[in-house]
C-alpha atoms as a PDB file:
ATOM      1  CA  MET A   1      -1.107   2.200  36.314  1.00  0.00           C
ATOM      2  CA  PRO A   2       2.426   3.471  35.066  1.00  0.00           C
ATOM      3  CA  LYS A   3       2.730   6.283  32.772  1.00  0.00           C
ATOM      4  CA  LEU A   4       4.132   5.341  29.199  1.00  0.00           C
ATOM      5  CA  PRO A   5       6.764   7.313  27.828  1.00  0.00           C
ATOM      6  CA  SER A   6       6.062   9.752  25.000  1.00  0.00           C
ATOM      7  CA  TRP A   7       7.264   8.917  21.521  1.00  0.00           C
ATOM      8  CA  ARG A   8      10.349  11.047  21.778  1.00  0.00           C
ATOM      9  CA  GLU A   9      11.553   9.310  24.804  1.00  0.00           C
ATOM     10  CA  TYR A  10      11.796   5.812  23.149  1.00  0.00           C
ATOM     11  CA  GLU A  11      15.392   4.649  22.172  1.00  0.00           C
ATOM     12  CA  ILE A  12      16.726   4.948  18.660  1.00  0.00           C
ATOM     13  CA  GLY A  13      15.615   1.908  16.449  1.00  0.00           C
ATOM     14  CA  CYS A  14      11.964   1.853  17.906  1.00  0.00           C
ATOM     15  CA  ILE A  15       9.319   2.564  15.128  1.00  0.00           C
ATOM     16  CA  VAL A  16       6.797   5.116  16.506  1.00  0.00           C
ATOM     17  CA  THR A  17       4.556   6.879  13.999  1.00  0.00           C
ATOM     18  CA  GLN A  18       2.080   9.614  14.469  1.00  0.00           C
ATOM     19  CA  PRO A  19      -1.599   9.008  14.656  1.00  0.00           C
ATOM     20  CA  GLY A  20      -3.109   8.752  11.132  1.00  0.00           C
ATOM     21  CA  SER A  21       0.062   8.077   9.493  1.00  0.00           C
ATOM     22  CA  ALA A  22      -0.674   4.594   8.314  1.00  0.00           C
ATOM     23  CA  ARG A  23      -1.316   5.644   4.632  1.00  0.00           C
ATOM     24  CA  ALA A  24       2.137   6.869   4.183  1.00  0.00           C
ATOM     25  CA  TYR A  25       3.591   3.200   4.658  1.00  0.00           C
ATOM     26  CA  ARG A  26       3.463   0.504   1.625  1.00  0.00           C
ATOM     27  CA  THR A  27       2.415  -2.301   3.879  1.00  0.00           C
ATOM     28  CA  GLY A  28       1.579  -4.563   0.879  1.00  0.00           C
ATOM     29  CA  ASP A  29       5.494  -5.096   0.092  1.00  0.00           C
ATOM     30  CA  TRP A  30       5.783  -8.001   2.627  1.00  0.00           C
ATOM     31  CA  ARG A  31       2.923  -9.904   1.224  1.00  0.00           C
ATOM     32  CA  SER A  32       3.599 -13.382  -0.137  1.00  0.00           C
ATOM     33  CA  GLN A  33       0.170 -14.079  -1.674  1.00  0.00           C
ATOM     34  CA  ARG A  34      -2.586 -11.779  -2.983  1.00  0.00           C
ATOM     35  CA  PRO A  35      -6.211 -12.051  -3.483  1.00  0.00           C
ATOM     36  CA  ILE A  36      -7.863 -12.276  -6.994  1.00  0.00           C
ATOM     37  CA  TRP A  37     -11.622 -12.098  -7.705  1.00  0.00           C
ATOM     38  CA  LYS A  38     -13.736 -14.193 -10.278  1.00  0.00           C
ATOM     39  CA  ASN A  39     -16.351 -11.779 -11.140  1.00  0.00           C
ATOM     40  CA  GLU A  40     -18.585 -14.377 -12.679  1.00  0.00           C
ATOM     41  CA  ARG A  41     -18.955 -16.032  -9.089  1.00  0.00           C
ATOM     42  CA  CYS A  42     -18.976 -12.788  -7.139  1.00  0.00           C
ATOM     43  CA  ILE A  43     -22.573 -11.886  -6.052  1.00  0.00           C
ATOM     44  CA  LYS A  44     -21.386  -8.107  -4.795  1.00  0.00           C
ATOM     45  CA  CYS A  45     -22.388  -9.196  -1.008  1.00  0.00           C
ATOM     46  CA  GLY A  46     -19.515  -6.936   0.191  1.00  0.00           C
ATOM     47  CA  LEU A  47     -18.533  -9.553   2.795  1.00  0.00           C
ATOM     48  CA  CYS A  48     -14.829  -9.222   1.735  1.00  0.00           C
ATOM     49  CA  TYR A  49     -15.046  -5.538   2.163  1.00  0.00           C
ATOM     50  CA  ILE A  50     -16.590  -5.806   5.726  1.00  0.00           C
ATOM     51  CA  PHE A  51     -14.114  -8.382   7.058  1.00  0.00           C
ATOM     52  CA  CYS A  52     -10.857  -7.038   5.702  1.00  0.00           C
ATOM     53  CA  PRO A  53      -8.847  -6.195   8.827  1.00  0.00           C
ATOM     54  CA  GLU A  54      -6.629  -3.542   6.795  1.00  0.00           C
ATOM     55  CA  GLY A  55      -9.630  -1.864   5.118  1.00  0.00           C
ATOM     56  CA  CYS A  56      -7.891  -2.147   1.737  1.00  0.00           C
ATOM     57  CA  ILE A  57     -10.645  -3.703  -0.297  1.00  0.00           C
ATOM     58  CA  ARG A  58     -12.736  -1.030  -2.334  1.00  0.00           C
ATOM     59  CA  GLY A  59     -15.721  -1.289  -4.472  1.00  0.00           C
ATOM     60  CA  ARG A  60     -15.422  -0.478  -8.186  1.00  0.00           C
ATOM     61  CA  LYS A  61     -17.809   1.425 -10.296  1.00  0.00           C
ATOM     62  CA  ASP A  62     -19.259  -1.918 -11.810  1.00  0.00           C
ATOM     63  CA  GLY A  63     -20.188  -3.106  -8.134  1.00  0.00           C
ATOM     64  CA  TYR A  64     -17.531  -5.756  -7.803  1.00  0.00           C
ATOM     65  CA  PHE A  65     -14.620  -5.352  -5.578  1.00  0.00           C
ATOM     66  CA  GLU A  66     -10.790  -5.521  -5.642  1.00  0.00           C
ATOM     67  CA  ALA A  67      -7.886  -5.068  -3.150  1.00  0.00           C
ATOM     68  CA  ASP A  68      -5.587  -2.127  -2.956  1.00  0.00           C
ATOM     69  CA  LEU A  69      -2.399  -4.102  -3.356  1.00  0.00           C
ATOM     70  CA  PHE A  70      -0.456  -1.151  -1.981  1.00  0.00           C
ATOM     71  CA  TYR A  71      -1.824  -2.093   1.529  1.00  0.00           C
ATOM     72  CA  CYS A  72      -3.126  -5.727   1.272  1.00  0.00           C
ATOM     73  CA  LYS A  73      -0.935  -8.030   3.317  1.00  0.00           C
ATOM     74  CA  GLY A  74      -2.355 -11.172   1.826  1.00  0.00           C
ATOM     75  CA  CYS A  75      -3.984 -12.331   5.096  1.00  0.00           C
ATOM     76  CA  GLY A  76      -6.350 -14.540   3.211  1.00  0.00           C
ATOM     77  CA  ILE A  77      -9.541 -13.529   5.316  1.00  0.00           C
ATOM     78  CA  CYS A  78     -11.539 -12.287   2.197  1.00  0.00           C
ATOM     79  CA  PRO A  79     -11.419 -15.807   0.403  1.00  0.00           C
ATOM     80  CA  ARG A  80     -12.482 -17.380   3.654  1.00  0.00           C
ATOM     81  CA  GLU A  81     -15.404 -15.124   4.355  1.00  0.00           C
ATOM     82  CA  CYS A  82     -16.607 -15.041   0.613  1.00  0.00           C
ATOM     83  CA  PRO A  83     -19.920 -17.313   0.553  1.00  0.00           C
ATOM     84  CA  THR A  84     -19.345 -17.950  -3.239  1.00  0.00           C
ATOM     85  CA  GLY A  85     -15.590 -18.657  -3.446  1.00  0.00           C
ATOM     86  CA  ALA A  86     -15.157 -15.918  -5.879  1.00  0.00           C
ATOM     87  CA  ILE A  87     -11.864 -14.930  -4.050  1.00  0.00           C
ATOM     88  CA  SER A  88      -8.748 -16.951  -4.162  1.00  0.00           C
ATOM     89  CA  MET A  89      -5.210 -16.470  -2.988  1.00  0.00           C
ATOM     90  CA  VAL A  90      -2.353 -16.647  -5.401  1.00  0.00           C
ATOM     91  CA  GLU A  91       1.463 -16.596  -4.984  1.00  0.00           C
ATOM     92  CA  GLU A  92       2.956 -13.260  -5.264  1.00  0.00           C
ATOM     93  CA  THR A  93       5.428 -12.729  -8.255  1.00  0.00           C
ATOM     94  CA  GLU A  94       7.476  -9.888  -8.949  1.00  0.00           C
END
């Protein structure tokens, strides 16, 4: 198997980051939709938290959940996995 170059050997223009540096980048900026929760429908099962591929859903003190919009990319997985339909996607506005 060929050896891959180190990150210092890539050409200018390649984006290479150090391991564990994802928190430094505001990845939610390219989102076109964001999730919103209807707490009256939420059963606090946590499936949205479990299935979020970015790990940006967090539990609140009252047991409900919310997305950290700094990192949420608006993929729409959380509403698809919600068994009660408590999460919906809305268009992002500035």
